[in-house]
Amino acid sequence: TRCVLGDDLVSSLLDRLYTTIDQRI
């Protein structure tokens, strides 16, 4: 039915996105 991302991958993805998604911009 779909691809499910693992918890470790989600955690790693979140850590990086928190640095690139710039609220000021």
PDB file of all heavy atoms in Angstrom:
ATOM      1  N   THR A   1       0.801  -1.231   0.000  1.00  0.00           N
ATOM      2  CA  THR A   1       0.000   0.000   0.000  1.00  0.00           C
ATOM      3  C   THR A   1       0.832   1.279   0.000  1.00  0.00           C
ATOM      4  O   THR A   1       0.377   2.300  -0.471  1.00  0.00           O
ATOM      5  CB  THR A   1      -0.934   0.028   1.223  1.00  0.00           C
ATOM      6  OG1 THR A   1      -0.153  -0.101   2.428  1.00  0.00           O
ATOM      7  CG2 THR A   1      -1.943  -1.103   1.146  1.00  0.00           C
ATOM      8  N   ARG A   2       2.099   1.234   0.516  1.00  0.00           N
ATOM      9  CA  ARG A   2       2.897   2.456   0.558  1.00  0.00           C
ATOM     10  C   ARG A   2       4.291   2.172   1.098  1.00  0.00           C
ATOM     11  O   ARG A   2       4.580   1.060   1.548  1.00  0.00           O
ATOM     12  CB  ARG A   2       2.228   3.528   1.427  1.00  0.00           C
ATOM     13  CG  ARG A   2       2.101   3.179   2.897  1.00  0.00           C
ATOM     14  CD  ARG A   2       1.251   4.187   3.627  1.00  0.00           C
ATOM     15  NE  ARG A   2       1.064   3.840   5.028  1.00  0.00           N
ATOM     16  CZ  ARG A   2       1.579   4.501   6.057  1.00  0.00           C
ATOM     17  NH1 ARG A   2       2.320   5.568   5.836  1.00  0.00           N
ATOM     18  NH2 ARG A   2       1.349   4.129   7.292  1.00  0.00           N
ATOM     19  N   CYS A   3       5.112   3.224   1.074  1.00  0.00           N
ATOM     20  CA  CYS A   3       6.446   3.169   1.674  1.00  0.00           C
ATOM     21  C   CYS A   3       6.385   3.857   3.034  1.00  0.00           C
ATOM     22  O   CYS A   3       5.906   4.993   3.151  1.00  0.00           O
ATOM     23  CB  CYS A   3       7.465   3.882   0.782  1.00  0.00           C
ATOM     24  SG  CYS A   3       9.122   3.998   1.493  1.00  0.00           S
ATOM     25  N   VAL A   4       6.869   3.162   4.066  1.00  0.00           N
ATOM     26  CA  VAL A   4       6.862   3.701   5.427  1.00  0.00           C
ATOM     27  C   VAL A   4       8.296   4.017   5.842  1.00  0.00           C
ATOM     28  O   VAL A   4       9.170   3.137   5.794  1.00  0.00           O
ATOM     29  CB  VAL A   4       6.239   2.694   6.423  1.00  0.00           C
ATOM     30  CG1 VAL A   4       6.257   3.271   7.833  1.00  0.00           C
ATOM     31  CG2 VAL A   4       4.811   2.354   5.989  1.00  0.00           C
ATOM     32  N   LEU A   5       8.552   5.256   6.217  1.00  0.00           N
ATOM     33  CA  LEU A   5       9.887   5.668   6.646  1.00  0.00           C
ATOM     34  C   LEU A   5      10.138   5.201   8.071  1.00  0.00           C
ATOM     35  O   LEU A   5       9.270   5.325   8.937  1.00  0.00           O
ATOM     36  CB  LEU A   5      10.030   7.193   6.567  1.00  0.00           C
ATOM     37  CG  LEU A   5       9.742   7.838   5.204  1.00  0.00           C
ATOM     38  CD1 LEU A   5       9.896   9.345   5.292  1.00  0.00           C
ATOM     39  CD2 LEU A   5      10.658   7.269   4.138  1.00  0.00           C
ATOM     40  N   GLY A   6      11.327   4.674   8.341  1.00  0.00           N
ATOM     41  CA  GLY A   6      11.680   4.219   9.673  1.00  0.00           C
ATOM     42  C   GLY A   6      11.911   5.372  10.638  1.00  0.00           C
ATOM     43  O   GLY A   6      12.178   6.505  10.228  1.00  0.00           O
ATOM     44  N   ASP A   7      11.827   5.090  11.928  1.00  0.00           N
ATOM     45  CA  ASP A   7      11.965   6.134  12.953  1.00  0.00           C
ATOM     46  C   ASP A   7      13.326   6.819  12.893  1.00  0.00           C
ATOM     47  O   ASP A   7      13.424   8.042  13.042  1.00  0.00           O
ATOM     48  CB  ASP A   7      11.751   5.530  14.347  1.00  0.00           C
ATOM     49  CG  ASP A   7      10.308   5.110  14.584  1.00  0.00           C
ATOM     50  OD1 ASP A   7       9.437   5.569  13.818  1.00  0.00           O
ATOM     51  OD2 ASP A   7      10.057   4.326  15.515  1.00  0.00           O
ATOM     52  N   ASP A   8      14.386   6.047  12.688  1.00  0.00           N
ATOM     53  CA  ASP A   8      15.726   6.639  12.632  1.00  0.00           C
ATOM     54  C   ASP A   8      15.870   7.563  11.430  1.00  0.00           C
ATOM     55  O   ASP A   8      16.487   8.631  11.522  1.00  0.00           O
ATOM     56  CB  ASP A   8      16.793   5.536  12.586  1.00  0.00           C
ATOM     57  CG  ASP A   8      16.918   4.787  13.893  1.00  0.00           C
ATOM     58  OD1 ASP A   8      16.438   5.310  14.927  1.00  0.00           O
ATOM     59  OD2 ASP A   8      17.489   3.683  13.894  1.00  0.00           O
ATOM     60  N   LEU A   9      15.298   7.154  10.302  1.00  0.00           N
ATOM     61  CA  LEU A   9      15.361   7.994   9.108  1.00  0.00           C
ATOM     62  C   LEU A   9      14.560   9.280   9.310  1.00  0.00           C
ATOM     63  O   LEU A   9      15.023  10.368   8.946  1.00  0.00           O
ATOM     64  CB  LEU A   9      14.825   7.229   7.904  1.00  0.00           C
ATOM     65  CG  LEU A   9      14.764   8.008   6.576  1.00  0.00           C
ATOM     66  CD1 LEU A   9      16.117   8.579   6.201  1.00  0.00           C
ATOM     67  CD2 LEU A   9      14.212   7.120   5.465  1.00  0.00           C
ATOM     68  N   VAL A  10      13.381   9.167   9.898  1.00  0.00           N
ATOM     69  CA  VAL A  10      12.570  10.357  10.176  1.00  0.00           C
ATOM     70  C   VAL A  10      13.313  11.303  11.117  1.00  0.00           C
ATOM     71  O   VAL A  10      13.324  12.522  10.913  1.00  0.00           O
ATOM     72  CB  VAL A  10      11.204   9.953  10.775  1.00  0.00           C
ATOM     73  CG1 VAL A  10      10.467  11.174  11.311  1.00  0.00           C
ATOM     74  CG2 VAL A  10      10.350   9.253   9.728  1.00  0.00           C
ATOM     75  N   SER A  11      13.963  10.751  12.123  1.00  0.00           N
ATOM     76  CA  SER A  11      14.720  11.567  13.068  1.00  0.00           C
ATOM     77  C   SER A  11      15.866  12.293  12.376  1.00  0.00           C
ATOM     78  O   SER A  11      16.087  13.491  12.592  1.00  0.00           O
ATOM     79  CB  SER A  11      15.257  10.687  14.204  1.00  0.00           C
ATOM     80  OG  SER A  11      16.011  11.450  15.103  1.00  0.00           O
ATOM     81  N   SER A  12      16.595  11.575  11.520  1.00  0.00           N
ATOM     82  CA  SER A  12      17.698  12.189  10.781  1.00  0.00           C
ATOM     83  C   SER A  12      17.193  13.256   9.826  1.00  0.00           C
ATOM     84  O   SER A  12      17.790  14.342   9.691  1.00  0.00           O
ATOM     85  CB  SER A  12      18.463  11.110  10.014  1.00  0.00           C
ATOM     86  OG  SER A  12      19.491  11.663   9.239  1.00  0.00           O
ATOM     87  N   LEU A  13      16.079  12.976   9.169  1.00  0.00           N
ATOM     88  CA  LEU A  13      15.477  13.929   8.238  1.00  0.00           C
ATOM     89  C   LEU A  13      15.034  15.193   8.977  1.00  0.00           C
ATOM     90  O   LEU A  13      15.286  16.317   8.516  1.00  0.00           O
ATOM     91  CB  LEU A  13      14.299  13.261   7.539  1.00  0.00           C
ATOM     92  CG  LEU A  13      13.627  13.982   6.372  1.00  0.00           C
ATOM     93  CD1 LEU A  13      14.636  14.308   5.276  1.00  0.00           C
ATOM     94  CD2 LEU A  13      12.486  13.134   5.814  1.00  0.00           C
ATOM     95  N   LEU A  14      14.397  15.010  10.127  1.00  0.00           N
ATOM     96  CA  LEU A  14      13.949  16.156  10.916  1.00  0.00           C
ATOM     97  C   LEU A  14      15.122  17.033  11.358  1.00  0.00           C
ATOM     98  O   LEU A  14      15.060  18.264  11.280  1.00  0.00           O
ATOM     99  CB  LEU A  14      13.180  15.688  12.147  1.00  0.00           C
ATOM    100  CG  LEU A  14      11.693  15.384  11.970  1.00  0.00           C
ATOM    101  CD1 LEU A  14      11.125  14.764  13.232  1.00  0.00           C
ATOM    102  CD2 LEU A  14      10.922  16.649  11.611  1.00  0.00           C
ATOM    103  N   ASP A  15      16.191  16.392  11.833  1.00  0.00           N
ATOM    104  CA  ASP A  15      17.357  17.157  12.292  1.00  0.00           C
ATOM    105  C   ASP A  15      17.880  18.068  11.193  1.00  0.00           C
ATOM    106  O   ASP A  15      18.251  19.223  11.441  1.00  0.00           O
ATOM    107  CB  ASP A  15      18.462  16.201  12.752  1.00  0.00           C
ATOM    108  CG  ASP A  15      18.153  15.533  14.077  1.00  0.00           C
ATOM    109  OD1 ASP A  15      17.258  16.030  14.792  1.00  0.00           O
ATOM    110  OD2 ASP A  15      18.797  14.521  14.399  1.00  0.00           O
ATOM    111  N   ARG A  16      17.916  17.564   9.983  1.00  0.00           N
ATOM    112  CA  ARG A  16      18.434  18.364   8.867  1.00  0.00           C
ATOM    113  C   ARG A  16      17.441  19.427   8.417  1.00  0.00           C
ATOM    114  O   ARG A  16      17.827  20.554   8.087  1.00  0.00           O
ATOM    115  CB  ARG A  16      18.798  17.453   7.699  1.00  0.00           C
ATOM    116  CG  ARG A  16      19.889  16.434   8.029  1.00  0.00           C
ATOM    117  CD  ARG A  16      20.442  15.798   6.775  1.00  0.00           C
ATOM    118  NE  ARG A  16      21.322  14.678   7.074  1.00  0.00           N
ATOM    119  CZ  ARG A  16      22.191  14.165   6.215  1.00  0.00           C
ATOM    120  NH1 ARG A  16      22.287  14.673   4.993  1.00  0.00           N
ATOM    121  NH2 ARG A  16      22.955  13.140   6.540  1.00  0.00           N
ATOM    122  N   LEU A  17      16.159  19.072   8.379  1.00  0.00           N
ATOM    123  CA  LEU A  17      15.152  20.029   7.925  1.00  0.00           C
ATOM    124  C   LEU A  17      15.005  21.198   8.894  1.00  0.00           C
ATOM    125  O   LEU A  17      14.698  22.322   8.470  1.00  0.00           O
ATOM    126  CB  LEU A  17      13.804  19.329   7.735  1.00  0.00           C
ATOM    127  CG  LEU A  17      13.715  18.359   6.558  1.00  0.00           C
ATOM    128  CD1 LEU A  17      12.413  17.580   6.588  1.00  0.00           C
ATOM    129  CD2 LEU A  17      13.867  19.088   5.224  1.00  0.00           C
ATOM    130  N   TYR A  18      15.219  20.945  10.171  1.00  0.00           N
ATOM    131  CA  TYR A  18      15.154  22.038  11.142  1.00  0.00           C
ATOM    132  C   TYR A  18      16.210  23.099  10.870  1.00  0.00           C
ATOM    133  O   TYR A  18      16.052  24.255  11.257  1.00  0.00           O
ATOM    134  CB  TYR A  18      15.313  21.497  12.558  1.00  0.00           C
ATOM    135  CG  TYR A  18      14.064  20.834  13.105  1.00  0.00           C
ATOM    136  CD1 TYR A  18      14.149  19.739  13.955  1.00  0.00           C
ATOM    137  CD2 TYR A  18      12.794  21.305  12.780  1.00  0.00           C
ATOM    138  CE1 TYR A  18      13.006  19.118  14.458  1.00  0.00           C
ATOM    139  CE2 TYR A  18      11.652  20.700  13.271  1.00  0.00           C
ATOM    140  CZ  TYR A  18      11.762  19.605  14.112  1.00  0.00           C
ATOM    141  OH  TYR A  18      10.635  19.001  14.597  1.00  0.00           O
ATOM    142  N   THR A  19      17.300  22.714  10.211  1.00  0.00           N
ATOM    143  CA  THR A  19      18.356  23.691   9.896  1.00  0.00           C
ATOM    144  C   THR A  19      18.139  24.360   8.546  1.00  0.00           C
ATOM    145  O   THR A  19      18.654  25.459   8.313  1.00  0.00           O
ATOM    146  CB  THR A  19      19.744  23.022   9.905  1.00  0.00           C
ATOM    147  OG1 THR A  19      19.815  22.066   8.839  1.00  0.00           O
ATOM    148  CG2 THR A  19      20.011  22.323  11.228  1.00  0.00           C
ATOM    149  N   THR A  20      17.386  23.720   7.640  1.00  0.00           N
ATOM    150  CA  THR A  20      17.212  24.290   6.296  1.00  0.00           C
ATOM    151  C   THR A  20      15.895  25.041   6.122  1.00  0.00           C
ATOM    152  O   THR A  20      15.816  25.958   5.295  1.00  0.00           O
ATOM    153  CB  THR A  20      17.308  23.189   5.221  1.00  0.00           C
ATOM    154  OG1 THR A  20      16.327  22.168   5.485  1.00  0.00           O
ATOM    155  CG2 THR A  20      18.691  22.568   5.204  1.00  0.00           C
ATOM    156  N   ILE A  21      14.850  24.654   6.839  1.00  0.00           N
ATOM    157  CA  ILE A  21      13.579  25.384   6.742  1.00  0.00           C
ATOM    158  C   ILE A  21      13.714  26.652   7.585  1.00  0.00           C
ATOM    159  O   ILE A  21      13.682  26.614   8.807  1.00  0.00           O
ATOM    160  CB  ILE A  21      12.398  24.522   7.210  1.00  0.00           C
ATOM    161  CG1 ILE A  21      12.212  23.323   6.274  1.00  0.00           C
ATOM    162  CG2 ILE A  21      11.105  25.351   7.248  1.00  0.00           C
ATOM    163  CD1 ILE A  21      11.082  22.389   6.649  1.00  0.00           C
ATOM    164  N   ASP A  22      13.892  27.754   6.907  1.00  0.00           N
ATOM    165  CA  ASP A  22      14.218  29.032   7.545  1.00  0.00           C
ATOM    166  C   ASP A  22      12.953  29.890   7.662  1.00  0.00           C
ATOM    167  O   ASP A  22      12.474  30.442   6.662  1.00  0.00           O
ATOM    168  CB  ASP A  22      15.284  29.749   6.724  1.00  0.00           C
ATOM    169  CG  ASP A  22      15.894  30.940   7.451  1.00  0.00           C
ATOM    170  OD1 ASP A  22      15.189  31.556   8.283  1.00  0.00           O
ATOM    171  OD2 ASP A  22      17.070  31.248   7.204  1.00  0.00           O
ATOM    172  N   GLN A  23      12.444  30.014   8.883  1.00  0.00           N
ATOM    173  CA  GLN A  23      11.216  30.772   9.090  1.00  0.00           C
ATOM    174  C   GLN A  23      11.381  32.242   8.732  1.00  0.00           C
ATOM    175  O   GLN A  23      10.439  32.894   8.279  1.00  0.00           O
ATOM    176  CB  GLN A  23      10.762  30.639  10.543  1.00  0.00           C
ATOM    177  CG  GLN A  23       9.364  31.196  10.809  1.00  0.00           C
ATOM    178  CD  GLN A  23       8.268  30.399  10.111  1.00  0.00           C
ATOM    179  OE1 GLN A  23       8.266  29.172  10.154  1.00  0.00           O
ATOM    180  NE2 GLN A  23       7.348  31.094   9.451  1.00  0.00           N
ATOM    181  N   ARG A  24      12.576  32.771   8.906  1.00  0.00           N
ATOM    182  CA  ARG A  24      12.791  34.189   8.584  1.00  0.00           C
ATOM    183  C   ARG A  24      12.586  34.453   7.094  1.00  0.00           C
ATOM    184  O   ARG A  24      12.012  35.485   6.715  1.00  0.00           O
ATOM    185  CB  ARG A  24      14.203  34.606   9.006  1.00  0.00           C
ATOM    186  CG  ARG A  24      14.428  34.625  10.517  1.00  0.00           C
ATOM    187  CD  ARG A  24      15.884  34.844  10.823  1.00  0.00           C
ATOM    188  NE  ARG A  24      16.708  33.761  10.262  1.00  0.00           N
ATOM    189  CZ  ARG A  24      18.037  33.745  10.306  1.00  0.00           C
ATOM    190  NH1 ARG A  24      18.690  34.741  10.852  1.00  0.00           N
ATOM    191  NH2 ARG A  24      18.714  32.729   9.794  1.00  0.00           N
ATOM    192  N   ILE A  25      13.072  33.548   6.253  1.00  0.00           N
ATOM    193  CA  ILE A  25      12.892  33.722   4.808  1.00  0.00           C
ATOM    194  C   ILE A  25      11.418  33.596   4.445  1.00  0.00           C
ATOM    195  O   ILE A  25      10.892  34.370   3.632  1.00  0.00           O
ATOM    196  CB  ILE A  25      13.743  32.693   4.043  1.00  0.00           C
ATOM    197  CG1 ILE A  25      15.227  33.019   4.208  1.00  0.00           C
ATOM    198  CG2 ILE A  25      13.361  32.665   2.561  1.00  0.00           C
ATOM    199  CD1 ILE A  25      16.155  32.014   3.557  1.00  0.00           C
TER     200      ILE A  25
END
